[in-house]
């Protein structure tokens, strides 16, 4: 018998005051958005014992429509994050493309084998097509 997943009651949800960040967003109003997460203490003052986190965001246009892309940026300052933005974004896009290729490869290699005769196939040969599986009846 499987166990039900534990659902947290809303009264049990707590803010982790030891892991608070102030979010700052910078954009060039064209393609780049840099999100800065500044660690803060519970009173809102900056926590200098933890690292500031940077991430880059952009939107690519794909055949399926707009595709949001986000990636971490290894930087210590906003200026450094801006300089590293293009390389970090290229790495993220390359990773997305490789993941899509891997999914496509897995889907293409899936072989579906029926576990028994197909419904309505009766005594037909060659996968259920008349004439041994040759289209047009094999005549």
C-alpha atoms as a PDB file:
ATOM      1  CA  UNK A   1       0.000   0.000   0.000  1.00  0.00           C
ATOM      2  CA  UNK A   2       1.485   3.357  -1.025  1.00  0.00           C
ATOM      3  CA  UNK A   3       1.751   6.202   1.405  1.00  0.00           C
ATOM      4  CA  UNK A   4      -0.020   9.495   0.705  1.00  0.00           C
ATOM      5  CA  UNK A   5       2.345  12.420   0.065  1.00  0.00           C
ATOM      6  CA  UNK A   6       2.586  14.738   3.031  1.00  0.00           C
ATOM      7  CA  UNK A   7       0.726  17.984   2.465  1.00  0.00           C
ATOM      8  CA  UNK A   8       1.789  20.937   4.554  1.00  0.00           C
ATOM      9  CA  UNK A   9      -1.006  22.941   6.095  1.00  0.00           C
ATOM     10  CA  UNK A  10      -0.799  26.659   5.359  1.00  0.00           C
ATOM     11  CA  UNK A  11      -0.410  27.343   9.096  1.00  0.00           C
ATOM     12  CA  UNK A  12       2.778  25.212   9.044  1.00  0.00           C
ATOM     13  CA  UNK A  13       4.503  27.213   6.280  1.00  0.00           C
ATOM     14  CA  UNK A  14       7.325  29.246   7.823  1.00  0.00           C
ATOM     15  CA  UNK A  15       9.740  31.837   6.473  1.00  0.00           C
ATOM     16  CA  UNK A  16      13.363  30.729   6.776  1.00  0.00           C
ATOM     17  CA  UNK A  17      14.671  33.928   8.378  1.00  0.00           C
ATOM     18  CA  UNK A  18      18.242  32.587   8.249  1.00  0.00           C
ATOM     19  CA  UNK A  19      18.063  32.470   4.430  1.00  0.00           C
ATOM     20  CA  UNK A  20      16.524  35.803   3.435  1.00  0.00           C
ATOM     21  CA  UNK A  21      17.539  37.759   0.328  1.00  0.00           C
ATOM     22  CA  UNK A  22      16.634  41.184  -1.039  1.00  0.00           C
ATOM     23  CA  UNK A  23      15.960  41.007  -4.766  1.00  0.00           C
ATOM     24  CA  UNK A  24      17.177  43.723  -7.111  1.00  0.00           C
ATOM     25  CA  UNK A  25      16.457  43.635 -10.841  1.00  0.00           C
ATOM     26  CA  UNK A  26      18.477  45.465 -13.498  1.00  0.00           C
ATOM     27  CA  UNK A  27      17.590  45.543 -17.185  1.00  0.00           C
ATOM     28  CA  UNK A  28      18.845  47.139 -20.366  1.00  0.00           C
ATOM     29  CA  UNK A  29      15.207  47.271 -21.615  1.00  0.00           C
ATOM     30  CA  UNK A  30      16.259  45.230 -24.661  1.00  0.00           C
ATOM     31  CA  UNK A  31      17.420  41.675 -24.027  1.00  0.00           C
ATOM     32  CA  UNK A  32      19.214  41.447 -20.701  1.00  0.00           C
ATOM     33  CA  UNK A  33      17.868  41.240 -17.187  1.00  0.00           C
ATOM     34  CA  UNK A  34      20.204  40.660 -14.265  1.00  0.00           C
ATOM     35  CA  UNK A  35      18.663  39.566 -11.004  1.00  0.00           C
ATOM     36  CA  UNK A  36      20.706  40.241  -7.871  1.00  0.00           C
ATOM     37  CA  UNK A  37      19.892  38.449  -4.626  1.00  0.00           C
ATOM     38  CA  UNK A  38      21.517  40.302  -1.728  1.00  0.00           C
ATOM     39  CA  UNK A  39      21.630  38.279   1.508  1.00  0.00           C
ATOM     40  CA  UNK A  40      19.957  40.033   4.415  1.00  0.00           C
ATOM     41  CA  UNK A  41      19.432  39.399   8.106  1.00  0.00           C
ATOM     42  CA  UNK A  42      15.968  39.079   9.630  1.00  0.00           C
ATOM     43  CA  UNK A  43      15.990  42.839  10.374  1.00  0.00           C
ATOM     44  CA  UNK A  44      16.606  43.643   6.673  1.00  0.00           C
ATOM     45  CA  UNK A  45      20.225  44.745   6.997  1.00  0.00           C
ATOM     46  CA  UNK A  46      22.745  43.239   4.596  1.00  0.00           C
ATOM     47  CA  UNK A  47      24.300  39.946   5.742  1.00  0.00           C
ATOM     48  CA  UNK A  48      27.969  40.265   4.755  1.00  0.00           C
ATOM     49  CA  UNK A  49      28.738  36.674   5.838  1.00  0.00           C
ATOM     50  CA  UNK A  50      26.914  35.264   2.779  1.00  0.00           C
ATOM     51  CA  UNK A  51      27.574  35.730  -0.941  1.00  0.00           C
ATOM     52  CA  UNK A  52      25.402  37.869  -3.200  1.00  0.00           C
ATOM     53  CA  UNK A  53      23.844  35.754  -5.971  1.00  0.00           C
ATOM     54  CA  UNK A  54      23.501  36.850  -9.612  1.00  0.00           C
ATOM     55  CA  UNK A  55      21.372  35.374 -12.373  1.00  0.00           C
ATOM     56  CA  UNK A  56      20.743  36.353 -15.963  1.00  0.00           C
ATOM     57  CA  UNK A  57      17.394  36.261 -17.726  1.00  0.00           C
ATOM     58  CA  UNK A  58      16.390  36.752 -21.336  1.00  0.00           C
ATOM     59  CA  UNK A  59      13.716  35.612 -23.756  1.00  0.00           C
ATOM     60  CA  UNK A  60      14.543  33.851 -27.016  1.00  0.00           C
ATOM     61  CA  UNK A  61      12.151  33.623 -29.909  1.00  0.00           C
ATOM     62  CA  UNK A  62      11.642  30.025 -31.027  1.00  0.00           C
ATOM     63  CA  UNK A  63       9.360  28.279 -33.508  1.00  0.00           C
ATOM     64  CA  UNK A  64       7.112  27.409 -30.552  1.00  0.00           C
ATOM     65  CA  UNK A  65       7.007  31.025 -29.367  1.00  0.00           C
ATOM     66  CA  UNK A  66       8.920  32.981 -26.709  1.00  0.00           C
ATOM     67  CA  UNK A  67      11.266  30.859 -24.602  1.00  0.00           C
ATOM     68  CA  UNK A  68      12.424  32.316 -21.260  1.00  0.00           C
ATOM     69  CA  UNK A  69      16.008  31.432 -20.350  1.00  0.00           C
ATOM     70  CA  UNK A  70      17.555  31.913 -16.926  1.00  0.00           C
ATOM     71  CA  UNK A  71      21.035  31.054 -15.716  1.00  0.00           C
ATOM     72  CA  UNK A  72      23.288  31.679 -12.746  1.00  0.00           C
ATOM     73  CA  UNK A  73      26.158  34.113 -13.256  1.00  0.00           C
ATOM     74  CA  UNK A  74      29.337  33.577 -11.261  1.00  0.00           C
ATOM     75  CA  UNK A  75      30.150  37.178 -10.317  1.00  0.00           C
ATOM     76  CA  UNK A  76      30.900  39.382  -7.322  1.00  0.00           C
ATOM     77  CA  UNK A  77      29.608  42.701  -8.675  1.00  0.00           C
ATOM     78  CA  UNK A  78      26.867  43.916 -10.995  1.00  0.00           C
ATOM     79  CA  UNK A  79      29.497  45.143 -13.458  1.00  0.00           C
ATOM     80  CA  UNK A  80      31.160  41.702 -13.512  1.00  0.00           C
ATOM     81  CA  UNK A  81      27.740  40.023 -13.934  1.00  0.00           C
ATOM     82  CA  UNK A  82      26.977  42.276 -16.918  1.00  0.00           C
ATOM     83  CA  UNK A  83      30.319  41.394 -18.510  1.00  0.00           C
ATOM     84  CA  UNK A  84      29.759  37.662 -17.964  1.00  0.00           C
ATOM     85  CA  UNK A  85      26.102  37.732 -19.069  1.00  0.00           C
ATOM     86  CA  UNK A  86      26.657  36.761 -22.750  1.00  0.00           C
ATOM     87  CA  UNK A  87      28.875  33.754 -21.964  1.00  0.00           C
ATOM     88  CA  UNK A  88      26.584  32.540 -19.167  1.00  0.00           C
ATOM     89  CA  UNK A  89      23.541  32.843 -21.430  1.00  0.00           C
ATOM     90  CA  UNK A  90      25.285  30.998 -24.289  1.00  0.00           C
ATOM     91  CA  UNK A  91      26.156  28.158 -21.912  1.00  0.00           C
ATOM     92  CA  UNK A  92      22.537  27.989 -20.698  1.00  0.00           C
ATOM     93  CA  UNK A  93      21.153  27.947 -24.253  1.00  0.00           C
ATOM     94  CA  UNK A  94      23.669  25.266 -25.294  1.00  0.00           C
ATOM     95  CA  UNK A  95      22.560  23.182 -22.296  1.00  0.00           C
ATOM     96  CA  UNK A  96      18.880  23.620 -23.261  1.00  0.00           C
ATOM     97  CA  UNK A  97      19.595  22.558 -26.848  1.00  0.00           C
ATOM     98  CA  UNK A  98      21.480  19.467 -25.677  1.00  0.00           C
ATOM     99  CA  UNK A  99      18.647  18.547 -23.288  1.00  0.00           C
ATOM    100  CA  UNK A 100      16.128  18.900 -26.146  1.00  0.00           C
ATOM    101  CA  UNK A 101      18.286  16.683 -28.372  1.00  0.00           C
ATOM    102  CA  UNK A 102      18.529  14.060 -25.637  1.00  0.00           C
ATOM    103  CA  UNK A 103      14.760  14.053 -25.161  1.00  0.00           C
ATOM    104  CA  UNK A 104      14.300  13.716 -28.935  1.00  0.00           C
ATOM    105  CA  UNK A 105      16.802  10.803 -29.030  1.00  0.00           C
ATOM    106  CA  UNK A 106      15.028   9.020 -26.175  1.00  0.00           C
ATOM    107  CA  UNK A 107      11.614   9.466 -27.792  1.00  0.00           C
ATOM    108  CA  UNK A 108      12.895   8.302 -31.196  1.00  0.00           C
ATOM    109  CA  UNK A 109      14.445   5.168 -29.694  1.00  0.00           C
ATOM    110  CA  UNK A 110      11.315   4.094 -27.855  1.00  0.00           C
ATOM    111  CA  UNK A 111       9.897   0.941 -29.378  1.00  0.00           C
ATOM    112  CA  UNK A 112       6.302   0.154 -28.602  1.00  0.00           C
ATOM    113  CA  UNK A 113       5.557  -3.558 -28.753  1.00  0.00           C
ATOM    114  CA  UNK A 114       1.981  -4.695 -28.277  1.00  0.00           C
ATOM    115  CA  UNK A 115       1.558  -7.317 -25.600  1.00  0.00           C
ATOM    116  CA  UNK A 116      -0.892  -9.425 -27.597  1.00  0.00           C
ATOM    117  CA  UNK A 117      -2.931  -9.487 -30.794  1.00  0.00           C
ATOM    118  CA  UNK A 118      -4.288  -6.148 -31.857  1.00  0.00           C
ATOM    119  CA  UNK A 119      -8.002  -5.721 -31.308  1.00  0.00           C
ATOM    120  CA  UNK A 120      -9.892  -6.579 -34.490  1.00  0.00           C
ATOM    121  CA  UNK A 121      -6.813  -8.078 -36.156  1.00  0.00           C
ATOM    122  CA  UNK A 122      -8.450 -11.504 -36.336  1.00  0.00           C
ATOM    123  CA  UNK A 123      -6.218 -13.946 -38.177  1.00  0.00           C
ATOM    124  CA  UNK A 124      -4.452 -11.367 -40.310  1.00  0.00           C
ATOM    125  CA  UNK A 125      -0.728 -11.808 -40.923  1.00  0.00           C
ATOM    126  CA  UNK A 126       2.142  -9.330 -40.949  1.00  0.00           C
ATOM    127  CA  UNK A 127       1.011  -6.919 -38.281  1.00  0.00           C
ATOM    128  CA  UNK A 128      -2.649  -6.970 -39.169  1.00  0.00           C
ATOM    129  CA  UNK A 129      -2.554  -5.792 -42.758  1.00  0.00           C
ATOM    130  CA  UNK A 130      -4.159  -7.951 -45.458  1.00  0.00           C
ATOM    131  CA  UNK A 131      -1.673  -9.789 -47.692  1.00  0.00           C
ATOM    132  CA  UNK A 132       1.073 -10.186 -45.133  1.00  0.00           C
ATOM    133  CA  UNK A 133       1.586  -6.527 -44.329  1.00  0.00           C
ATOM    134  CA  UNK A 134       2.031  -5.191 -47.859  1.00  0.00           C
ATOM    135  CA  UNK A 135      -0.078  -2.132 -48.483  1.00  0.00           C
ATOM    136  CA  UNK A 136      -2.710  -2.659 -51.150  1.00  0.00           C
ATOM    137  CA  UNK A 137      -3.384  -6.252 -50.153  1.00  0.00           C
ATOM    138  CA  UNK A 138      -0.150  -7.727 -51.595  1.00  0.00           C
ATOM    139  CA  UNK A 139      -1.699  -8.524 -54.935  1.00  0.00           C
END
